[in-house]
PDB file of N, CA and C in Angstrom:
ATOM      1  N   UNK A   1      57.718  50.192 105.645  1.00  0.00           N
ATOM      2  CA  UNK A   1      57.106  50.962 104.594  1.00  0.00           C
ATOM      3  C   UNK A   1      57.179  52.431 104.992  1.00  0.00           C
ATOM      4  N   UNK A   2      57.555  53.272 104.076  1.00  0.00           N
ATOM      5  CA  UNK A   2      57.594  54.705 104.335  1.00  0.00           C
ATOM      6  C   UNK A   2      56.494  55.387 103.529  1.00  0.00           C
ATOM      7  N   UNK A   3      55.878  56.374 104.151  1.00  0.00           N
ATOM      8  CA  UNK A   3      54.816  57.118 103.477  1.00  0.00           C
ATOM      9  C   UNK A   3      55.155  58.592 103.505  1.00  0.00           C
ATOM     10  N   UNK A   4      54.846  59.296 102.443  1.00  0.00           N
ATOM     11  CA  UNK A   4      54.999  60.735 102.420  1.00  0.00           C
ATOM     12  C   UNK A   4      53.814  61.329 101.683  1.00  0.00           C
ATOM     13  N   UNK A   5      53.386  62.481 102.139  1.00  0.00           N
ATOM     14  CA  UNK A   5      52.266  63.127 101.479  1.00  0.00           C
ATOM     15  C   UNK A   5      52.816  63.968 100.345  1.00  0.00           C
ATOM     16  N   UNK A   6      52.272  63.754  99.143  1.00  0.00           N
ATOM     17  CA  UNK A   6      52.728  64.483  97.973  1.00  0.00           C
ATOM     18  C   UNK A   6      51.516  64.740  97.099  1.00  0.00           C
ATOM     19  N   UNK A   7      51.141  65.987  96.985  1.00  0.00           N
ATOM     20  CA  UNK A   7      49.974  66.350  96.173  1.00  0.00           C
ATOM     21  C   UNK A   7      48.738  65.564  96.585  1.00  0.00           C
ATOM     22  N   UNK A   8      48.550  65.454  97.898  1.00  0.00           N
ATOM     23  CA  UNK A   8      47.391  64.779  98.480  1.00  0.00           C
ATOM     24  C   UNK A   8      47.312  63.305  98.083  1.00  0.00           C
ATOM     25  N   UNK A   9      48.438  62.691  97.833  1.00  0.00           N
ATOM     26  CA  UNK A   9      48.470  61.260  97.540  1.00  0.00           C
ATOM     27  C   UNK A   9      49.475  60.608  98.488  1.00  0.00           C
ATOM     28  N   UNK A  10      49.187  59.394  98.901  1.00  0.00           N
ATOM     29  CA  UNK A  10      50.152  58.639  99.692  1.00  0.00           C
ATOM     30  C   UNK A  10      51.093  57.947  98.721  1.00  0.00           C
ATOM     31  N   UNK A  11      52.375  58.078  98.993  1.00  0.00           N
ATOM     32  CA  UNK A  11      53.361  57.394  98.166  1.00  0.00           C
ATOM     33  C   UNK A  11      53.905  56.226  98.978  1.00  0.00           C
ATOM     34  N   UNK A  12      53.590  55.035  98.581  1.00  0.00           N
ATOM     35  CA  UNK A  12      54.077  53.858  99.267  1.00  0.00           C
ATOM     36  C   UNK A  12      55.451  53.487  98.734  1.00  0.00           C
ATOM     37  N   UNK A  13      56.195  52.777  99.535  1.00  0.00           N
ATOM     38  CA  UNK A  13      57.492  52.282  99.131  1.00  0.00           C
ATOM     39  C   UNK A  13      57.284  51.379  97.915  1.00  0.00           C
ATOM     40  N   UNK A  14      58.048  51.571  96.833  1.00  0.00           N
ATOM     41  CA  UNK A  14      57.854  50.759  95.620  1.00  0.00           C
ATOM     42  C   UNK A  14      57.918  49.262  95.878  1.00  0.00           C
ATOM     43  N   UNK A  15      58.624  48.857  96.927  1.00  0.00           N
ATOM     44  CA  UNK A  15      58.714  47.437  97.255  1.00  0.00           C
ATOM     45  C   UNK A  15      57.384  46.852  97.705  1.00  0.00           C
ATOM     46  N   UNK A  16      56.459  47.713  98.117  1.00  0.00           N
ATOM     47  CA  UNK A  16      55.154  47.239  98.564  1.00  0.00           C
ATOM     48  C   UNK A  16      54.255  46.864  97.394  1.00  0.00           C
ATOM     49  N   UNK A  17      54.579  47.374  96.219  1.00  0.00           N
ATOM     50  CA  UNK A  17      53.824  47.108  94.986  1.00  0.00           C
ATOM     51  C   UNK A  17      52.350  47.497  95.102  1.00  0.00           C
ATOM     52  N   UNK A  18      52.060  48.565  95.841  1.00  0.00           N
ATOM     53  CA  UNK A  18      50.702  49.073  95.943  1.00  0.00           C
ATOM     54  C   UNK A  18      50.622  50.355  95.139  1.00  0.00           C
ATOM     55  N   UNK A  19      49.458  50.624  94.556  1.00  0.00           N
ATOM     56  CA  UNK A  19      49.315  51.868  93.790  1.00  0.00           C
ATOM     57  C   UNK A  19      49.302  53.064  94.729  1.00  0.00           C
ATOM     58  N   UNK A  20      49.549  54.236  94.184  1.00  0.00           N
ATOM     59  CA  UNK A  20      49.410  55.467  94.950  1.00  0.00           C
ATOM     60  C   UNK A  20      47.928  55.638  95.239  1.00  0.00           C
ATOM     61  N   UNK A  21      47.613  55.922  96.479  1.00  0.00           N
ATOM     62  CA  UNK A  21      46.221  56.054  96.867  1.00  0.00           C
ATOM     63  C   UNK A  21      45.911  57.488  97.277  1.00  0.00           C
ATOM     64  N   UNK A  22      44.697  57.947  97.043  1.00  0.00           N
ATOM     65  CA  UNK A  22      44.324  59.294  97.471  1.00  0.00           C
ATOM     66  C   UNK A  22      44.419  59.412  98.996  1.00  0.00           C
ATOM     67  N   UNK A  23      44.630  60.618  99.487  1.00  0.00           N
ATOM     68  CA  UNK A  23      44.769  60.847 100.934  1.00  0.00           C
ATOM     69  C   UNK A  23      43.524  60.418 101.693  1.00  0.00           C
ATOM     70  N   UNK A  24      42.377  60.411 101.058  1.00  0.00           N
ATOM     71  CA  UNK A  24      41.119  60.094 101.726  1.00  0.00           C
ATOM     72  C   UNK A  24      40.796  58.593 101.712  1.00  0.00           C
ATOM     73  N   UNK A  25      41.620  57.796 101.076  1.00  0.00           N
ATOM     74  CA  UNK A  25      41.348  56.367 100.898  1.00  0.00           C
ATOM     75  C   UNK A  25      41.055  55.690 102.240  1.00  0.00           C
ATOM     76  N   UNK A  26      39.888  55.078 102.329  1.00  0.00           N
ATOM     77  CA  UNK A  26      39.530  54.296 103.504  1.00  0.00           C
ATOM     78  C   UNK A  26      39.108  55.098 104.722  1.00  0.00           C
ATOM     79  N   UNK A  27      38.967  56.404 104.586  1.00  0.00           N
ATOM     80  CA  UNK A  27      38.555  57.242 105.718  1.00  0.00           C
ATOM     81  C   UNK A  27      37.047  57.427 105.662  1.00  0.00           C
ATOM     82  N   UNK A  28      36.362  56.798 106.591  1.00  0.00           N
ATOM     83  CA  UNK A  28      34.905  56.770 106.579  1.00  0.00           C
ATOM     84  C   UNK A  28      34.294  58.159 106.564  1.00  0.00           C
ATOM     85  N   UNK A  29      34.853  59.092 107.315  1.00  0.00           N
ATOM     86  CA  UNK A  29      34.281  60.437 107.378  1.00  0.00           C
ATOM     87  C   UNK A  29      34.421  61.182 106.053  1.00  0.00           C
ATOM     88  N   UNK A  30      35.347  60.758 105.201  1.00  0.00           N
ATOM     89  CA  UNK A  30      35.529  61.382 103.892  1.00  0.00           C
ATOM     90  C   UNK A  30      34.700  60.700 102.810  1.00  0.00           C
ATOM     91  N   UNK A  31      34.698  59.377 102.823  1.00  0.00           N
ATOM     92  CA  UNK A  31      34.102  58.635 101.714  1.00  0.00           C
ATOM     93  C   UNK A  31      32.660  58.189 101.953  1.00  0.00           C
ATOM     94  N   UNK A  32      32.181  58.349 103.170  1.00  0.00           N
ATOM     95  CA  UNK A  32      30.802  57.972 103.501  1.00  0.00           C
ATOM     96  C   UNK A  32      30.324  58.817 104.675  1.00  0.00           C
ATOM     97  N   UNK A  33      30.340  60.154 104.514  1.00  0.00           N
ATOM     98  CA  UNK A  33      30.006  61.051 105.616  1.00  0.00           C
ATOM     99  C   UNK A  33      28.507  61.073 105.933  1.00  0.00           C
ATOM    100  N   UNK A  34      28.213  61.470 107.168  1.00  0.00           N
ATOM    101  CA  UNK A  34      26.821  61.645 107.567  1.00  0.00           C
ATOM    102  C   UNK A  34      26.245  62.869 106.878  1.00  0.00           C
ATOM    103  N   UNK A  35      25.046  62.721 106.330  1.00  0.00           N
ATOM    104  CA  UNK A  35      24.368  63.840 105.700  1.00  0.00           C
ATOM    105  C   UNK A  35      23.503  64.581 106.705  1.00  0.00           C
ATOM    106  N   UNK A  36      22.907  65.646 106.279  1.00  0.00           N
ATOM    107  CA  UNK A  36      22.017  66.433 107.129  1.00  0.00           C
ATOM    108  C   UNK A  36      20.811  65.618 107.599  1.00  0.00           C
ATOM    109  N   UNK A  37      20.479  64.581 106.857  1.00  0.00           N
ATOM    110  CA  UNK A  37      19.337  63.737 107.209  1.00  0.00           C
ATOM    111  C   UNK A  37      19.696  62.629 108.198  1.00  0.00           C
ATOM    112  N   UNK A  38      20.964  62.594 108.637  1.00  0.00           N
ATOM    113  CA  UNK A  38      21.403  61.589 109.600  1.00  0.00           C
ATOM    114  C   UNK A  38      21.818  60.273 108.964  1.00  0.00           C
ATOM    115  N   UNK A  39      21.753  60.186 107.645  1.00  0.00           N
ATOM    116  CA  UNK A  39      22.173  58.989 106.919  1.00  0.00           C
ATOM    117  C   UNK A  39      23.514  59.243 106.252  1.00  0.00           C
ATOM    118  N   UNK A  40      24.222  58.183 105.934  1.00  0.00           N
ATOM    119  CA  UNK A  40      25.509  58.321 105.254  1.00  0.00           C
ATOM    120  C   UNK A  40      25.301  58.332 103.749  1.00  0.00           C
ATOM    121  N   UNK A  41      26.059  59.186 103.068  1.00  0.00           N
ATOM    122  CA  UNK A  41      25.976  59.319 101.612  1.00  0.00           C
ATOM    123  C   UNK A  41      27.381  59.391 101.036  1.00  0.00           C
ATOM    124  N   UNK A  42      27.569  58.823  99.875  1.00  0.00           N
ATOM    125  CA  UNK A  42      28.853  58.927  99.182  1.00  0.00           C
ATOM    126  C   UNK A  42      28.879  60.251  98.427  1.00  0.00           C
ATOM    127  N   UNK A  43      29.935  61.057  98.634  1.00  0.00           N
ATOM    128  CA  UNK A  43      30.028  62.342  97.933  1.00  0.00           C
ATOM    129  C   UNK A  43      30.171  62.158  96.418  1.00  0.00           C
ATOM    130  N   UNK A  44      29.700  63.139  95.669  1.00  0.00           N
ATOM    131  CA  UNK A  44      29.823  63.108  94.209  1.00  0.00           C
ATOM    132  C   UNK A  44      31.282  62.956  93.778  1.00  0.00           C
ATOM    133  N   UNK A  45      32.185  63.590  94.519  1.00  0.00           N
ATOM    134  CA  UNK A  45      33.605  63.535  94.146  1.00  0.00           C
ATOM    135  C   UNK A  45      34.151  62.110  94.202  1.00  0.00           C
ATOM    136  N   UNK A  46      33.535  61.252  94.993  1.00  0.00           N
ATOM    137  CA  UNK A  46      33.977  59.853  95.075  1.00  0.00           C
ATOM    138  C   UNK A  46      33.480  59.023  93.891  1.00  0.00           C
ATOM    139  N   UNK A  47      32.397  59.444  93.289  1.00  0.00           N
ATOM    140  CA  UNK A  47      31.775  58.662  92.215  1.00  0.00           C
ATOM    141  C   UNK A  47      32.684  58.495  91.000  1.00  0.00           C
ATOM    142  N   UNK A  48      33.557  59.438  90.762  1.00  0.00           N
ATOM    143  CA  UNK A  48      34.448  59.359  89.606  1.00  0.00           C
ATOM    144  C   UNK A  48      35.803  58.736  89.946  1.00  0.00           C
ATOM    145  N   UNK A  49      36.022  58.436  91.209  1.00  0.00           N
ATOM    146  CA  UNK A  49      37.315  57.886  91.644  1.00  0.00           C
ATOM    147  C   UNK A  49      37.428  56.412  91.280  1.00  0.00           C
ATOM    148  N   UNK A  50      38.542  56.036  90.737  1.00  0.00           N
ATOM    149  CA  UNK A  50      38.715  54.633  90.335  1.00  0.00           C
ATOM    150  C   UNK A  50      38.890  53.691  91.527  1.00  0.00           C
ATOM    151  N   UNK A  51      39.132  54.245  92.709  1.00  0.00           N
ATOM    152  CA  UNK A  51      39.321  53.433  93.913  1.00  0.00           C
ATOM    153  C   UNK A  51      38.068  53.349  94.778  1.00  0.00           C
ATOM    154  N   UNK A  52      36.946  53.903  94.329  1.00  0.00           N
ATOM    155  CA  UNK A  52      35.770  54.082  95.191  1.00  0.00           C
ATOM    156  C   UNK A  52      35.295  52.795  95.861  1.00  0.00           C
ATOM    157  N   UNK A  53      35.223  51.692  95.162  1.00  0.00           N
ATOM    158  CA  UNK A  53      34.714  50.457  95.754  1.00  0.00           C
ATOM    159  C   UNK A  53      35.672  49.916  96.808  1.00  0.00           C
ATOM    160  N   UNK A  54      36.953  49.813  96.473  1.00  0.00           N
ATOM    161  CA  UNK A  54      37.940  49.326  97.437  1.00  0.00           C
ATOM    162  C   UNK A  54      38.066  50.277  98.620  1.00  0.00           C
ATOM    163  N   UNK A  55      37.946  51.557  98.352  1.00  0.00           N
ATOM    164  CA  UNK A  55      38.047  52.574  99.383  1.00  0.00           C
ATOM    165  C   UNK A  55      36.921  52.422 100.400  1.00  0.00           C
ATOM    166  N   UNK A  56      35.711  52.288  99.932  1.00  0.00           N
ATOM    167  CA  UNK A  56      34.576  52.142 100.830  1.00  0.00           C
ATOM    168  C   UNK A  56      34.669  50.841 101.616  1.00  0.00           C
ATOM    169  N   UNK A  57      35.092  49.790 100.970  1.00  0.00           N
ATOM    170  CA  UNK A  57      35.279  48.515 101.679  1.00  0.00           C
ATOM    171  C   UNK A  57      36.304  48.674 102.803  1.00  0.00           C
ATOM    172  N   UNK A  58      37.393  49.364 102.501  1.00  0.00           N
ATOM    173  CA  UNK A  58      38.430  49.593 103.502  1.00  0.00           C
ATOM    174  C   UNK A  58      37.896  50.439 104.658  1.00  0.00           C
ATOM    175  N   UNK A  59      37.125  51.447 104.341  1.00  0.00           N
ATOM    176  CA  UNK A  59      36.561  52.319 105.375  1.00  0.00           C
ATOM    177  C   UNK A  59      35.620  51.546 106.297  1.00  0.00           C
ATOM    178  N   UNK A  60      34.887  50.599 105.752  1.00  0.00           N
ATOM    179  CA  UNK A  60      33.939  49.834 106.548  1.00  0.00           C
ATOM    180  C   UNK A  60      34.598  48.757 107.398  1.00  0.00           C
ATOM    181  N   UNK A  61      35.882  48.491 107.208  1.00  0.00           N
ATOM    182  CA  UNK A  61      36.593  47.479 107.978  1.00  0.00           C
ATOM    183  C   UNK A  61      36.891  47.907 109.409  1.00  0.00           C
ATOM    184  N   UNK A  62      37.026  49.208 109.662  1.00  0.00           N
ATOM    185  CA  UNK A  62      37.412  49.641 111.013  1.00  0.00           C
ATOM    186  C   UNK A  62      36.204  49.663 111.943  1.00  0.00           C
ATOM    187  N   UNK A  63      36.425  50.026 113.191  1.00  0.00           N
ATOM    188  CA  UNK A  63      35.363  49.969 114.202  1.00  0.00           C
ATOM    189  C   UNK A  63      34.197  50.902 113.885  1.00  0.00           C
ATOM    190  N   UNK A  64      34.453  52.057 113.272  1.00  0.00           N
ATOM    191  CA  UNK A  64      33.360  52.946 112.886  1.00  0.00           C
ATOM    192  C   UNK A  64      32.522  52.327 111.781  1.00  0.00           C
ATOM    193  N   UNK A  65      33.139  51.564 110.921  1.00  0.00           N
ATOM    194  CA  UNK A  65      32.426  50.899 109.838  1.00  0.00           C
ATOM    195  C   UNK A  65      31.474  49.832 110.345  1.00  0.00           C
ATOM    196  N   UNK A  66      31.830  49.196 111.445  1.00  0.00           N
ATOM    197  CA  UNK A  66      30.966  48.168 112.031  1.00  0.00           C
ATOM    198  C   UNK A  66      29.643  48.784 112.456  1.00  0.00           C
ATOM    199  N   UNK A  67      29.676  50.013 112.963  1.00  0.00           N
ATOM    200  CA  UNK A  67      28.459  50.710 113.395  1.00  0.00           C
ATOM    201  C   UNK A  67      27.546  51.000 112.202  1.00  0.00           C
ATOM    202  N   UNK A  68      28.114  51.198 111.033  1.00  0.00           N
ATOM    203  CA  UNK A  68      27.344  51.526 109.832  1.00  0.00           C
ATOM    204  C   UNK A  68      26.550  50.334 109.351  1.00  0.00           C
ATOM    205  N   UNK A  69      27.097  49.165 109.423  1.00  0.00           N
ATOM    206  CA  UNK A  69      26.466  47.966 108.905  1.00  0.00           C
ATOM    207  C   UNK A  69      25.151  47.747 109.592  1.00  0.00           C
TER     208      UNK A  69
END
């Protein structure tokens, strides 16, 4: 699979049959950052994203996500 950054979107190889995803997809520090109160909050900009649920699930899959649970 080849990836290239284009207008802040990942372009997957068409053979993968995956949609173009935002550059922040699945990145815990972007989609569920720590707030000033020490708790994690979803940014307003994520609320309108059509990938928000899958994105957050993906972010929670890695080792940093385990600490959040």
